[in-house]
Amino acid sequence: MILRVSVVLAYVAMIVTMGILGMKKTRTFTDFFLGGRDVGPWFTAFTYGTAYFSAVIFIGFAGKIGWGFGLSGLWVAIGNTLIGTLGVWLLLGKRIRRETTARNVSTMPEYLDSRYGSKFLKYYSAIAIFVFLIPYTAAVFMGLSYLFEANFGLPYWAVLAFMGIFTAVYLVLGGYKSMTMVDFIFGLIMVVGVTILLASCIVKGNGLSGIVSQLRAIDPRLVGPVGPPGLWPLFSIVFLTSVAPLAMPQLIQKFYAIRDDRSIKIGMIASTVFGLLVSGTAYFTGSLTRIFLNPAQNPAAFNANGSPNFDSLMPELLTFTIPQSLSVVILLLMLSASMSTLAALVLISSSSIVKDLYGGLAHERTADQRGIIRLLTPGERASDKRLMILMRVMSGVFVFLSVILALLKPAVIVTILSISWGAIASVFLGPFIWGLLTKRAGKFGAIASSVCGLGTCLVLFFLWGGPRASEAGTVGMIVSLASGLLLVPFGKPSKK
């Protein structure tokens, strides 16, 4: 216990130090939000990977999907690697960097406004980011709290309070500058951690053949190409978690900040390898919950009626399979995976209010003696100093709201994450993808695809309920993409 506490305290001190160093290099809003658009390939690769794969994937998704689908859950890892990582870098990386640099935009809503000339899309998408990323951030806080509760026996609320304050302080200090430096270290910790986790689980399960045999004895479908829940639920999870990154603001932002095209080539390879290792390990070990855990020996992982408590499966598995001497490394793995995601979510959500809403709607006092209040004109910009201050304030507000929601424990982590990802991706997929890929995509099609996608997602979520949240998100995303494509021929070629 003393060792784990000491390591965590040293870890906290390191992050705060990095935040202070980042603060010294942060002089403008572009520095704070995009690192001055001069971030190298390795930093970008690790900050993309660590933002994509948080503790939610291990604690929420890996546990529930592994328990239900068995080894077929590895299809999720394959999709996350080939589509959500390699596909994003290969198909969109250069386009995003060039387009956003040429248009001099910093956020996704700003890009939509510049591309389609639509203030509605800008403000509508900015509000969607803030609203739907709060539950996602809450889910990450919940995952971390469950982990610390299992490892240290600390009260859930106390862990939430500490993590909220810690996240706010770390990000408020240095913004994207400090985030990329810390994410690089986080990424290295995650590589070491998942390697130890994978090796420990294989040994505990008597090798790969032993694992397959034990799963087959429980249910032959757990080692088949499609697990017990069936093809459509599996496809929904793969599609949701793999296609959504094509338009998730906290991930796409990484390409706004990368240095040049050469950096994208290098970052693509590093990020893909990282994604395969982390996601493959997560979903593989998740399937082992069926082997290693049962209500008699692991009551913390099950409800009173014997059904699995999906959010507690992986924390219990980690304490059961990892040698005590190495448990601190796994703790740092989960902490690193979550801190990077939290930082990315807070930064993007804060910018949606400060840069997108305030930048277009805020009032400023004129410098003349009359002190007249007036609206900013389209050509004017709020001062860098004011944007920096407001970004820091809104970062704290966003963390506070997310922690409050996490205290309420509104649903299991998978449900919260599914509706958040589904809603955000439904808003952005149609207008963002077709706006990048074809000049014929027009304003009407962009607005229609975004509104129809989100509307479909939310209506299905309320009709089908939480257990089918990933399916609702998937259908909403498909509607957004398909309706945008169908309306492309009716758009006018873009001159911008």
Protein backbone atom coordinates (compact mmCIF):
# COMPACT_ATOMS: atom_id res chain seq x y z
CA MET A 1 0.00 0.00 0.00
CA ILE A 2 2.78 2.44 0.92
CA LEU A 3 4.51 1.77 -2.42
CA ARG A 4 1.33 2.42 -4.40
CA VAL A 5 0.59 5.64 -2.53
CA SER A 6 4.18 6.86 -3.01
CA VAL A 7 4.14 6.11 -6.73
CA VAL A 8 0.80 7.85 -7.24
CA LEU A 9 2.03 10.94 -5.35
CA ALA A 10 5.19 11.01 -7.47
CA TYR A 11 3.01 10.67 -10.54
CA VAL A 12 0.87 13.63 -9.45
CA ALA A 13 3.98 15.73 -8.80
CA MET A 14 5.31 14.92 -12.28
CA ILE A 15 2.08 15.98 -13.97
CA VAL A 16 1.89 19.25 -12.03
CA THR A 17 5.51 19.95 -12.97
CA MET A 18 4.73 19.34 -16.63
CA GLY A 19 1.77 21.66 -16.33
CA ILE A 20 3.95 24.43 -14.95
CA LEU A 21 6.51 23.93 -17.74
CA GLY A 22 3.71 24.04 -20.30
CA MET A 23 2.34 27.24 -18.77
CA LYS A 24 5.68 28.97 -19.33
CA LYS A 25 5.46 28.15 -23.04
CA THR A 26 1.82 29.20 -23.38
CA ARG A 27 1.48 32.82 -24.44
CA THR A 28 -1.47 32.84 -26.86
CA PHE A 29 -4.79 31.06 -27.31
CA THR A 30 -3.28 29.05 -30.19
CA ASP A 31 -0.50 27.91 -27.83
CA PHE A 32 -3.03 26.93 -25.17
CA PHE A 33 -5.43 25.12 -27.50
CA LEU A 34 -3.24 23.84 -30.37
CA GLY A 35 0.32 23.96 -29.07
CA GLY A 36 1.17 26.66 -31.61
CA ARG A 37 0.37 24.18 -34.46
CA ASP A 38 3.90 22.85 -34.11
CA VAL A 39 3.47 19.45 -32.42
CA GLY A 40 5.74 16.65 -33.68
CA PRO A 41 4.70 13.15 -34.86
CA TRP A 42 5.52 11.14 -31.75
CA PHE A 43 3.80 13.53 -29.39
CA THR A 44 0.76 13.63 -31.71
CA ALA A 45 0.67 9.83 -32.06
CA PHE A 46 0.68 9.29 -28.31
CA THR A 47 -1.73 12.10 -27.55
CA TYR A 48 -4.17 10.67 -30.15
CA GLY A 49 -3.86 7.13 -28.80
CA THR A 50 -4.13 8.07 -25.15
CA ALA A 51 -7.16 10.30 -25.84
CA TYR A 52 -8.85 7.47 -27.79
CA PHE A 53 -8.20 4.67 -25.30
CA SER A 54 -9.03 5.72 -21.74
CA ALA A 55 -9.70 3.65 -18.62
CA VAL A 56 -13.28 3.42 -19.91
CA ILE A 57 -12.16 0.91 -22.52
CA PHE A 58 -10.64 -1.31 -19.82
CA ILE A 59 -13.10 -0.85 -16.98
CA GLY A 60 -16.40 -0.34 -18.79
CA PHE A 61 -16.21 -1.67 -22.33
CA ALA A 62 -13.72 -4.52 -21.93
CA GLY A 63 -15.61 -5.96 -18.98
CA LYS A 64 -19.09 -5.90 -20.49
CA ILE A 65 -18.10 -6.81 -24.04
CA GLY A 66 -15.66 -9.48 -22.90
CA TRP A 67 -18.23 -11.08 -20.62
CA GLY A 68 -20.92 -11.06 -23.28
CA PHE A 69 -19.04 -11.70 -26.52
CA GLY A 70 -15.95 -13.61 -25.41
CA LEU A 71 -13.07 -13.61 -27.88
CA SER A 72 -15.26 -12.20 -30.66
CA GLY A 73 -14.89 -8.91 -28.80
CA LEU A 74 -11.51 -8.72 -30.51
CA TRP A 75 -13.39 -7.54 -33.62
CA VAL A 76 -13.81 -4.28 -31.73
CA ALA A 77 -10.05 -4.01 -31.29
CA ILE A 78 -9.49 -4.72 -34.98
CA GLY A 79 -12.02 -2.06 -35.99
CA ASN A 80 -10.56 0.47 -33.54
CA THR A 81 -7.09 -0.14 -34.99
CA LEU A 82 -7.83 -0.29 -38.73
CA ILE A 83 -10.62 2.29 -38.93
CA GLY A 84 -10.50 4.40 -35.80
CA THR A 85 -6.73 4.81 -35.88
CA LEU A 86 -5.09 3.87 -39.20
CA GLY A 87 -8.10 4.95 -41.27
CA VAL A 88 -8.36 8.35 -39.60
CA TRP A 89 -4.66 9.11 -40.04
CA LEU A 90 -4.45 7.74 -43.59
CA LEU A 91 -7.68 9.13 -45.07
CA LEU A 92 -8.16 12.37 -43.18
CA GLY A 93 -4.91 13.41 -41.50
CA LYS A 94 -3.41 15.52 -44.29
CA ARG A 95 -6.78 16.91 -45.39
CA ILE A 96 -7.61 18.08 -41.88
CA ARG A 97 -4.25 19.74 -41.32
CA ARG A 98 -4.26 21.53 -44.67
CA GLU A 99 -7.92 22.60 -44.57
CA THR A 100 -7.86 23.93 -41.02
CA THR A 101 -4.54 25.71 -41.53
CA ALA A 102 -5.71 27.31 -44.79
CA ARG A 103 -8.98 28.43 -43.21
CA ASN A 104 -7.24 29.51 -40.00
CA VAL A 105 -9.75 27.73 -37.79
CA SER A 106 -9.12 26.17 -34.39
CA THR A 107 -12.23 24.09 -33.68
CA MET A 108 -14.67 21.75 -35.41
CA PRO A 109 -17.60 24.22 -35.19
CA GLU A 110 -15.37 26.94 -36.67
CA TYR A 111 -14.50 24.62 -39.56
CA LEU A 112 -18.19 23.92 -40.27
CA ASP A 113 -18.91 27.64 -40.23
CA SER A 114 -16.02 28.38 -42.60
CA ARG A 115 -16.77 25.45 -44.90
CA TYR A 116 -20.54 25.93 -45.22
CA GLY A 117 -21.03 29.56 -44.22
CA SER A 118 -23.48 28.47 -41.52
CA LYS A 119 -23.61 30.17 -38.13
CA PHE A 120 -26.37 27.74 -37.18
CA LEU A 121 -24.04 24.75 -37.64
CA LYS A 122 -21.34 26.49 -35.65
CA TYR A 123 -23.47 27.24 -32.60
CA TYR A 124 -25.55 24.07 -32.79
CA SER A 125 -22.47 21.84 -32.94
CA ALA A 126 -20.69 23.81 -30.20
CA ILE A 127 -23.62 23.30 -27.83
CA ALA A 128 -23.76 19.60 -28.76
CA ILE A 129 -20.08 19.19 -27.88
CA PHE A 130 -20.49 20.72 -24.45
CA VAL A 131 -23.71 18.89 -23.62
CA PHE A 132 -22.75 15.39 -24.79
CA LEU A 133 -19.12 15.38 -23.68
CA ILE A 134 -20.13 15.99 -20.07
CA PRO A 135 -21.49 12.41 -19.66
CA TYR A 136 -18.47 11.00 -21.48
CA THR A 137 -16.15 12.80 -19.05
CA ALA A 138 -18.31 11.62 -16.16
CA ALA A 139 -17.91 8.03 -17.40
CA VAL A 140 -14.12 8.39 -17.32
CA PHE A 141 -14.27 9.78 -13.78
CA MET A 142 -16.51 6.88 -12.77
CA GLY A 143 -14.08 4.33 -14.20
CA LEU A 144 -11.14 5.82 -12.31
CA SER A 145 -13.13 6.01 -9.09
CA TYR A 146 -14.10 2.34 -9.30
CA LEU A 147 -10.44 1.47 -9.85
CA PHE A 148 -9.16 3.46 -6.87
CA GLU A 149 -12.00 2.17 -4.73
CA ALA A 150 -10.89 -1.40 -5.48
CA ASN A 151 -7.16 -0.74 -5.03
CA PHE A 152 -7.10 1.64 -2.06
CA GLY A 153 -10.46 1.13 -0.39
CA LEU A 154 -11.16 4.86 -0.70
CA PRO A 155 -14.72 6.21 -0.79
CA TYR A 156 -16.05 6.74 -4.30
CA TRP A 157 -16.88 10.42 -3.67
CA ALA A 158 -13.40 11.15 -2.26
CA VAL A 159 -11.69 9.77 -5.36
CA LEU A 160 -14.01 11.79 -7.60
CA ALA A 161 -13.24 14.99 -5.71
CA PHE A 162 -9.48 14.41 -5.89
CA MET A 163 -9.51 13.49 -9.59
CA GLY A 164 -11.68 16.48 -10.44
CA ILE A 165 -9.37 18.95 -8.70
CA PHE A 166 -6.28 17.24 -10.10
CA THR A 167 -7.57 17.30 -13.68
CA ALA A 168 -8.62 20.93 -13.48
CA VAL A 169 -5.29 22.08 -12.05
CA TYR A 170 -3.20 20.09 -14.53
CA LEU A 171 -5.05 21.33 -17.59
CA VAL A 172 -5.64 24.90 -16.46
CA LEU A 173 -1.91 25.38 -16.04
CA GLY A 174 -0.56 24.63 -19.50
CA GLY A 175 -3.29 23.60 -21.94
CA TYR A 176 -2.27 21.62 -25.01
CA LYS A 177 1.45 22.28 -24.49
CA SER A 178 1.53 20.47 -21.18
CA MET A 179 -1.00 17.87 -22.39
CA THR A 180 1.22 16.63 -25.23
CA MET A 181 4.28 16.38 -23.01
CA VAL A 182 2.39 14.42 -20.38
CA ASP A 183 0.60 12.24 -22.96
CA PHE A 184 3.93 11.06 -24.33
CA ILE A 185 4.86 9.80 -20.87
CA PHE A 186 1.35 8.42 -20.40
CA GLY A 187 1.72 6.49 -23.66
CA LEU A 188 4.98 4.88 -22.58
CA ILE A 189 3.41 3.88 -19.26
CA MET A 190 0.45 2.37 -21.09
CA VAL A 191 2.70 0.30 -23.37
CA VAL A 192 4.52 -1.16 -20.37
CA GLY A 193 1.28 -1.65 -18.46
CA VAL A 194 -0.66 -3.49 -21.18
CA THR A 195 2.35 -5.72 -21.87
CA ILE A 196 2.44 -6.77 -18.20
CA LEU A 197 -1.34 -7.20 -18.15
CA LEU A 198 -1.38 -9.36 -21.28
CA ALA A 199 1.49 -11.58 -20.09
CA SER A 200 0.01 -12.01 -16.59
CA CYS A 201 -3.41 -13.01 -17.93
CA ILE A 202 -2.00 -15.53 -20.40
CA VAL A 203 0.07 -17.15 -17.66
CA LYS A 204 -2.89 -17.17 -15.25
CA GLY A 205 -5.09 -18.77 -17.92
CA ASN A 206 -2.54 -21.56 -18.67
CA GLY A 207 -1.63 -20.19 -22.08
CA LEU A 208 -3.74 -19.31 -25.11
CA SER A 209 -4.88 -22.90 -25.66
CA GLY A 210 -5.93 -23.18 -22.03
CA ILE A 211 -7.92 -19.93 -22.28
CA VAL A 212 -9.72 -21.09 -25.42
CA SER A 213 -10.55 -24.45 -23.83
CA GLN A 214 -11.95 -22.88 -20.69
CA LEU A 215 -14.10 -20.41 -22.61
CA ARG A 216 -15.38 -23.17 -24.90
CA ALA A 217 -16.37 -25.22 -21.85
CA ILE A 218 -18.47 -22.32 -20.55
CA ASP A 219 -20.13 -21.60 -23.92
CA PRO A 220 -18.75 -22.61 -27.36
CA ARG A 221 -20.00 -19.32 -28.80
CA LEU A 222 -17.50 -17.43 -26.60
CA VAL A 223 -14.70 -18.62 -28.90
CA GLY A 224 -16.70 -18.32 -32.13
CA PRO A 225 -16.59 -15.48 -34.68
CA VAL A 226 -19.72 -13.93 -33.16
CA GLY A 227 -20.45 -14.13 -29.43
CA PRO A 228 -23.79 -15.01 -27.76
CA PRO A 229 -25.50 -11.57 -28.11
CA GLY A 230 -25.43 -11.89 -31.92
CA LEU A 231 -24.15 -10.15 -35.05
CA TRP A 232 -26.10 -6.87 -34.94
CA PRO A 233 -25.10 -5.93 -31.36
CA LEU A 234 -21.47 -6.78 -32.17
CA PHE A 235 -21.54 -4.77 -35.40
CA SER A 236 -23.07 -1.82 -33.53
CA ILE A 237 -20.26 -1.74 -31.01
CA VAL A 238 -17.56 -2.10 -33.68
CA PHE A 239 -19.14 0.61 -35.84
CA LEU A 240 -19.75 3.01 -32.96
CA THR A 241 -16.25 2.82 -31.47
CA SER A 242 -14.39 2.59 -34.80
CA VAL A 243 -16.21 5.02 -37.11
CA ALA A 244 -16.97 7.74 -34.55
CA PRO A 245 -13.26 8.79 -34.35
CA LEU A 246 -13.55 10.00 -37.96
CA ALA A 247 -15.42 13.00 -36.54
CA MET A 248 -14.85 13.11 -32.77
CA PRO A 249 -13.67 16.66 -31.95
CA GLN A 250 -11.22 15.66 -29.19
CA LEU A 251 -9.43 13.33 -31.64
CA ILE A 252 -9.66 15.42 -34.82
CA GLN A 253 -8.12 18.36 -32.95
CA LYS A 254 -4.80 16.49 -32.91
CA PHE A 255 -4.46 17.04 -36.68
CA TYR A 256 -5.12 20.76 -36.33
CA ALA A 257 -1.99 20.96 -34.18
CA ILE A 258 0.44 18.63 -35.98
CA ARG A 259 3.50 20.21 -37.57
CA ASP A 260 3.51 19.01 -41.21
CA ASP A 261 2.64 16.20 -43.66
CA ARG A 262 5.80 14.26 -42.87
CA SER A 263 4.79 14.17 -39.22
CA ILE A 264 1.49 12.58 -40.22
CA LYS A 265 3.26 9.67 -41.95
CA ILE A 266 5.38 8.91 -38.91
CA GLY A 267 2.55 9.47 -36.44
CA MET A 268 0.22 7.16 -38.37
CA ILE A 269 2.51 4.15 -37.93
CA ALA A 270 3.22 4.82 -34.26
CA SER A 271 -0.42 5.46 -33.44
CA THR A 272 -1.62 2.31 -35.23
CA VAL A 273 0.82 0.04 -33.40
CA PHE A 274 -0.11 1.67 -30.12
CA GLY A 275 -3.83 1.25 -30.84
CA LEU A 276 -3.50 -2.44 -31.70
CA LEU A 277 -1.53 -3.20 -28.55
CA VAL A 278 -3.80 -1.30 -26.17
CA SER A 279 -7.22 -2.18 -27.62
CA GLY A 280 -6.25 -5.79 -28.37
CA THR A 281 -5.08 -6.30 -24.79
CA ALA A 282 -8.18 -4.63 -23.34
CA TYR A 283 -10.75 -6.75 -25.18
CA PHE A 284 -8.75 -9.97 -24.86
CA THR A 285 -8.43 -9.62 -21.09
CA GLY A 286 -12.08 -8.60 -20.88
CA SER A 287 -13.08 -12.03 -22.19
CA LEU A 288 -11.18 -13.63 -19.32
CA THR A 289 -13.65 -12.31 -16.78
CA ARG A 290 -15.71 -15.39 -17.67
CA ILE A 291 -12.83 -17.63 -16.59
CA PHE A 292 -11.33 -15.90 -13.59
CA LEU A 293 -14.35 -14.41 -11.80
CA ASN A 294 -17.37 -15.92 -10.05
CA PRO A 295 -19.84 -14.70 -7.38
CA ALA A 296 -18.41 -16.92 -4.65
CA GLN A 297 -14.79 -15.80 -4.88
CA ASN A 298 -15.30 -12.29 -6.28
CA PRO A 299 -18.52 -10.92 -4.75
CA ALA A 300 -17.50 -7.31 -5.49
CA ALA A 301 -17.84 -8.03 -9.23
CA PHE A 302 -21.40 -9.33 -9.02
CA ASN A 303 -24.82 -8.11 -7.96
CA ALA A 304 -26.84 -9.71 -5.17
CA ASN A 305 -28.68 -11.93 -7.67
CA GLY A 306 -25.43 -13.26 -9.11
CA SER A 307 -25.50 -11.23 -12.32
CA PRO A 308 -22.26 -9.44 -13.25
CA ASN A 309 -21.70 -5.82 -12.26
CA PHE A 310 -20.09 -4.79 -15.53
CA ASP A 311 -18.32 -1.70 -14.18
CA SER A 312 -16.67 -3.77 -11.44
CA LEU A 313 -15.54 -6.78 -13.50
CA MET A 314 -12.23 -5.41 -14.75
CA PRO A 315 -11.12 -3.75 -11.48
CA GLU A 316 -11.72 -7.08 -9.77
CA LEU A 317 -9.94 -8.99 -12.57
CA LEU A 318 -6.90 -6.74 -12.26
CA THR A 319 -6.58 -7.29 -8.52
CA PHE A 320 -7.02 -11.04 -9.04
CA THR A 321 -4.58 -11.64 -11.91
CA ILE A 322 -1.77 -9.10 -11.51
CA PRO A 323 1.06 -9.95 -9.10
CA GLN A 324 1.14 -7.60 -6.12
CA SER A 325 4.61 -6.39 -7.06
CA LEU A 326 3.37 -5.22 -10.47
CA SER A 327 -0.05 -3.89 -9.49
CA VAL A 328 1.25 -0.34 -9.22
CA VAL A 329 2.18 -0.40 -12.92
CA ILE A 330 -1.37 -1.40 -13.86
CA LEU A 331 -2.71 1.33 -11.61
CA LEU A 332 -0.56 3.85 -13.49
CA LEU A 333 -1.75 2.34 -16.80
CA MET A 334 -5.38 3.09 -15.95
CA LEU A 335 -4.57 6.48 -14.48
CA SER A 336 -2.54 7.46 -17.55
CA ALA A 337 -5.20 6.26 -19.98
CA SER A 338 -7.83 8.32 -18.19
CA MET A 339 -5.93 11.52 -17.50
CA SER A 340 -5.09 12.02 -21.16
CA THR A 341 -8.69 11.46 -22.23
CA LEU A 342 -9.99 13.77 -19.52
CA ALA A 343 -7.60 16.52 -20.60
CA ALA A 344 -8.67 16.21 -24.25
CA LEU A 345 -12.38 16.25 -23.37
CA VAL A 346 -12.10 19.23 -21.05
CA LEU A 347 -10.05 21.22 -23.56
CA ILE A 348 -12.49 20.60 -26.44
CA SER A 349 -15.61 21.21 -24.36
CA SER A 350 -14.26 24.45 -22.93
CA SER A 351 -13.37 25.69 -26.40
CA SER A 352 -16.92 25.06 -27.61
CA ILE A 353 -18.18 27.68 -25.16
CA VAL A 354 -15.26 30.12 -25.18
CA LYS A 355 -14.04 30.07 -28.78
CA ASP A 356 -17.18 29.13 -30.66
CA LEU A 357 -20.01 30.71 -28.65
CA TYR A 358 -18.25 33.59 -26.93
CA GLY A 359 -16.16 34.38 -30.01
CA GLY A 360 -19.30 34.91 -32.05
CA LEU A 361 -21.79 36.22 -29.52
CA ALA A 362 -19.81 37.94 -26.77
CA HIS A 363 -20.05 41.61 -26.01
CA GLU A 364 -17.05 43.88 -25.55
CA ARG A 365 -16.74 47.31 -24.08
CA THR A 366 -15.23 49.75 -26.54
CA ALA A 367 -12.05 51.57 -25.73
CA ASP A 368 -13.61 55.00 -26.25
CA GLN A 369 -14.60 57.29 -23.43
CA ARG A 370 -18.34 56.56 -23.74
CA GLY A 371 -17.81 52.87 -22.87
CA ILE A 372 -20.52 51.70 -25.28
CA ILE A 373 -21.38 48.01 -25.22
CA ARG A 374 -21.38 46.56 -28.71
CA LEU A 375 -21.36 43.21 -30.46
CA LEU A 376 -18.15 41.92 -31.95
CA THR A 377 -18.23 42.41 -35.69
CA PRO A 378 -17.41 39.39 -37.90
CA GLY A 379 -13.87 40.59 -38.56
CA GLU A 380 -13.02 41.17 -34.92
CA ARG A 381 -11.52 38.69 -32.49
CA ALA A 382 -11.79 38.53 -28.73
CA SER A 383 -8.36 39.20 -27.25
CA ASP A 384 -6.02 36.27 -26.67
CA LYS A 385 -5.73 37.18 -23.01
CA ARG A 386 -9.48 37.10 -22.51
CA LEU A 387 -9.83 33.78 -24.37
CA MET A 388 -7.06 32.25 -22.26
CA ILE A 389 -8.68 33.34 -19.01
CA LEU A 390 -12.11 32.11 -20.08
CA MET A 391 -10.72 28.78 -21.28
CA ARG A 392 -9.21 28.18 -17.87
CA VAL A 393 -12.43 29.18 -16.10
CA MET A 394 -14.62 27.01 -18.34
CA SER A 395 -12.25 24.06 -17.90
CA GLY A 396 -12.94 24.21 -14.18
CA VAL A 397 -16.70 24.55 -14.76
CA PHE A 398 -16.78 21.60 -17.13
CA VAL A 399 -14.85 19.38 -14.70
CA PHE A 400 -17.20 20.38 -11.88
CA LEU A 401 -20.32 19.48 -13.90
CA SER A 402 -18.81 16.14 -14.96
CA VAL A 403 -17.89 15.23 -11.37
CA ILE A 404 -21.42 16.04 -10.17
CA LEU A 405 -22.89 13.78 -12.86
CA ALA A 406 -20.42 11.00 -11.97
CA LEU A 407 -21.54 11.22 -8.33
CA LEU A 408 -25.08 10.42 -9.46
CA LYS A 409 -23.95 7.23 -11.27
CA PRO A 410 -26.67 7.62 -13.93
CA ALA A 411 -25.98 4.29 -15.71
CA VAL A 412 -23.29 1.75 -16.42
CA ILE A 413 -20.22 3.19 -18.11
CA VAL A 414 -20.86 1.49 -21.47
CA THR A 415 -24.30 3.08 -21.76
CA ILE A 416 -23.02 6.57 -20.90
CA LEU A 417 -20.14 6.32 -23.34
CA SER A 418 -22.31 4.88 -26.12
CA ILE A 419 -24.86 7.66 -26.06
CA SER A 420 -22.13 10.32 -25.83
CA TRP A 421 -20.13 8.96 -28.74
CA GLY A 422 -23.23 8.21 -30.78
CA ALA A 423 -24.68 11.69 -30.30
CA ILE A 424 -21.45 13.59 -31.04
CA ALA A 425 -20.62 11.43 -34.07
CA SER A 426 -24.19 11.80 -35.39
CA VAL A 427 -23.78 15.58 -35.25
CA PHE A 428 -20.43 15.72 -37.04
CA LEU A 429 -20.00 12.70 -39.34
CA GLY A 430 -22.15 13.85 -42.25
CA PRO A 431 -21.11 17.51 -42.50
CA PHE A 432 -17.47 16.96 -41.55
CA ILE A 433 -16.64 13.93 -43.73
CA TRP A 434 -18.43 15.10 -46.87
CA GLY A 435 -17.18 18.64 -46.35
CA LEU A 436 -13.62 17.34 -46.42
CA LEU A 437 -14.05 14.86 -49.26
CA THR A 438 -16.13 16.80 -51.82
CA LYS A 439 -16.59 20.44 -52.76
CA ARG A 440 -20.21 19.76 -53.74
CA ALA A 441 -21.32 19.27 -50.15
CA GLY A 442 -23.62 22.21 -49.41
CA LYS A 443 -25.11 23.98 -46.39
CA PHE A 444 -28.56 22.41 -46.62
CA GLY A 445 -27.19 18.87 -46.81
CA ALA A 446 -24.77 19.53 -43.94
CA ILE A 447 -27.48 20.87 -41.64
CA ALA A 448 -29.96 18.14 -42.61
CA SER A 449 -27.47 15.30 -42.06
CA SER A 450 -26.40 16.68 -38.69
CA VAL A 451 -29.89 17.34 -37.34
CA CYS A 452 -31.35 14.09 -38.70
CA GLY A 453 -28.44 12.06 -37.38
CA LEU A 454 -28.67 13.44 -33.85
CA GLY A 455 -32.47 13.29 -33.84
CA THR A 456 -32.45 9.63 -34.89
CA CYS A 457 -29.85 8.76 -32.27
CA LEU A 458 -31.74 10.39 -29.41
CA VAL A 459 -35.19 9.11 -30.41
CA LEU A 460 -33.92 5.52 -30.67
CA PHE A 461 -32.07 5.84 -27.37
CA PHE A 462 -35.26 6.83 -25.56
CA LEU A 463 -37.29 4.14 -27.36
CA TRP A 464 -34.81 1.30 -26.93
CA GLY A 465 -33.31 2.24 -23.58
CA GLY A 466 -29.79 2.11 -22.15
CA PRO A 467 -28.93 -1.53 -22.98
CA ARG A 468 -29.22 -0.69 -26.70
CA ALA A 469 -27.43 2.67 -26.54
CA SER A 470 -24.67 1.53 -28.89
CA GLU A 471 -27.27 0.46 -31.46
CA ALA A 472 -29.04 3.83 -31.24
CA GLY A 473 -25.71 5.59 -31.73
CA THR A 474 -24.81 3.42 -34.69
CA VAL A 475 -28.10 4.06 -36.50
CA GLY A 476 -27.79 7.80 -35.85
CA MET A 477 -24.28 7.81 -37.31
CA ILE A 478 -25.41 5.88 -40.39
CA VAL A 479 -28.28 8.33 -40.93
CA SER A 480 -25.87 11.27 -40.64
CA LEU A 481 -23.46 9.79 -43.16
CA ALA A 482 -26.10 8.48 -45.58
CA SER A 483 -28.29 11.59 -45.63
CA GLY A 484 -25.24 13.78 -46.15
CA LEU A 485 -24.16 11.64 -49.10
CA LEU A 486 -27.65 11.60 -50.64
CA LEU A 487 -27.85 15.40 -50.46
CA VAL A 488 -24.34 16.05 -51.83
CA PRO A 489 -25.50 16.14 -55.50
CA PHE A 490 -27.89 18.98 -54.63
CA GLY A 491 -25.14 21.17 -53.18
CA LYS A 492 -23.28 23.94 -54.98
CA PRO A 493 -19.53 23.49 -55.51
CA SER A 494 -17.63 25.21 -52.74
CA LYS A 495 -15.48 28.17 -53.74
CA LYS A 496 -13.72 28.27 -50.42
